[in-house]
Amino acid sequence: MAMESEWVQAEAIEATEFQELAARHYVSGVPNTTINDGAGRVIGSVPEGKLVKELQRVLAG
């Protein structure tokens, strides 16, 4: 998504190397997609539609 839109920023963090950051964002599985500093979250590899629905929920709220 970040490659498709200038409105999306993405970072990949290695949870085992940055344990404090992982704990702060409650990482319990990988991949763990955190949206707007925790306003939304998708854990695990999910179909694109599920990620889009979570993004829409966060943006609507």
C-alpha atoms as a PDB file:
ATOM      1  CA  MET A   1       0.000   0.000   0.000  1.00  0.00           C
ATOM      2  CA  ALA A   2       2.761   2.442   0.854  1.00  0.00           C
ATOM      3  CA  MET A   3       4.207   1.975  -2.613  1.00  0.00           C
ATOM      4  CA  GLU A   4       0.825   2.765  -4.187  1.00  0.00           C
ATOM      5  CA  SER A   5      -0.091   5.934  -2.315  1.00  0.00           C
ATOM      6  CA  GLU A   6       1.757   9.000  -1.118  1.00  0.00           C
ATOM      7  CA  TRP A   7      -0.717   9.090   1.806  1.00  0.00           C
ATOM      8  CA  VAL A   8       0.609   5.865   3.313  1.00  0.00           C
ATOM      9  CA  GLN A   9       3.863   5.507   5.228  1.00  0.00           C
ATOM     10  CA  ALA A  10       5.147   2.099   6.238  1.00  0.00           C
ATOM     11  CA  GLU A  11       8.043   0.784   8.285  1.00  0.00           C
ATOM     12  CA  ALA A  12       9.192  -2.748   8.973  1.00  0.00           C
ATOM     13  CA  ILE A  13      10.581  -3.374  12.442  1.00  0.00           C
ATOM     14  CA  GLU A  14      12.209  -6.611  13.613  1.00  0.00           C
ATOM     15  CA  ALA A  15      10.292  -7.304  16.837  1.00  0.00           C
ATOM     16  CA  THR A  16      12.996  -9.510  18.335  1.00  0.00           C
ATOM     17  CA  GLU A  17      15.593  -6.768  17.900  1.00  0.00           C
ATOM     18  CA  PHE A  18      13.374  -3.938  19.176  1.00  0.00           C
ATOM     19  CA  GLN A  19      11.562  -5.634  22.048  1.00  0.00           C
ATOM     20  CA  GLU A  20      10.623  -2.404  23.852  1.00  0.00           C
ATOM     21  CA  LEU A  21       8.961  -1.040  20.710  1.00  0.00           C
ATOM     22  CA  ALA A  22       7.214  -4.373  20.138  1.00  0.00           C
ATOM     23  CA  ALA A  23       5.914  -4.341  23.723  1.00  0.00           C
ATOM     24  CA  ARG A  24       4.699  -0.735  23.389  1.00  0.00           C
ATOM     25  CA  HIS A  25       2.590  -1.740  20.367  1.00  0.00           C
ATOM     26  CA  TYR A  26       1.451  -5.063  21.896  1.00  0.00           C
ATOM     27  CA  VAL A  27       2.972  -7.180  19.139  1.00  0.00           C
ATOM     28  CA  SER A  28       1.676 -10.713  19.652  1.00  0.00           C
ATOM     29  CA  GLY A  29       2.083 -12.148  16.175  1.00  0.00           C
ATOM     30  CA  VAL A  30       3.811 -11.431  12.931  1.00  0.00           C
ATOM     31  CA  PRO A  31       3.082  -9.691  10.736  1.00  0.00           C
ATOM     32  CA  ASN A  32       1.475  -7.107  13.000  1.00  0.00           C
ATOM     33  CA  THR A  33       0.093  -4.080  11.166  1.00  0.00           C
ATOM     34  CA  THR A  34      -0.492  -1.112  13.458  1.00  0.00           C
ATOM     35  CA  ILE A  35      -2.612   1.702  12.027  1.00  0.00           C
ATOM     36  CA  ASN A  36      -2.415   5.294  13.271  1.00  0.00           C
ATOM     37  CA  ASP A  37      -0.376   4.509  16.393  1.00  0.00           C
ATOM     38  CA  GLY A  38      -2.750   1.804  17.599  1.00  0.00           C
ATOM     39  CA  ALA A  39      -6.142   3.075  16.436  1.00  0.00           C
ATOM     40  CA  GLY A  40      -6.344  -0.078  14.367  1.00  0.00           C
ATOM     41  CA  ARG A  41      -4.485  -3.355  14.143  1.00  0.00           C
ATOM     42  CA  VAL A  42      -4.322  -6.414  11.931  1.00  0.00           C
ATOM     43  CA  ILE A  43      -2.403  -9.420  13.202  1.00  0.00           C
ATOM     44  CA  GLY A  44      -1.170 -12.105  10.883  1.00  0.00           C
ATOM     45  CA  SER A  45      -1.191 -12.475   7.149  1.00  0.00           C
ATOM     46  CA  VAL A  46      -4.725 -11.567   6.074  1.00  0.00           C
ATOM     47  CA  PRO A  47      -6.536 -11.087   2.784  1.00  0.00           C
ATOM     48  CA  GLU A  48      -6.292  -7.576   1.356  1.00  0.00           C
ATOM     49  CA  GLY A  49     -10.015  -6.998   1.948  1.00  0.00           C
ATOM     50  CA  LYS A  50      -9.646  -7.465   5.705  1.00  0.00           C
ATOM     51  CA  LEU A  51      -6.831  -4.910   5.850  1.00  0.00           C
ATOM     52  CA  VAL A  52      -8.877  -2.462   3.782  1.00  0.00           C
ATOM     53  CA  LYS A  53     -11.885  -2.895   6.108  1.00  0.00           C
ATOM     54  CA  GLU A  54      -9.723  -2.135   9.153  1.00  0.00           C
ATOM     55  CA  LEU A  55      -8.313   0.966   7.440  1.00  0.00           C
ATOM     56  CA  GLN A  56     -11.841   2.116   6.605  1.00  0.00           C
ATOM     57  CA  ARG A  57     -12.982   1.551  10.195  1.00  0.00           C
ATOM     58  CA  VAL A  58     -10.125   3.655  11.552  1.00  0.00           C
ATOM     59  CA  LEU A  59     -10.668   6.442   9.035  1.00  0.00           C
ATOM     60  CA  ALA A  60     -14.432   6.535   9.723  1.00  0.00           C
ATOM     61  CA  GLY A  61     -13.971   6.706  13.489  1.00  0.00           C
END
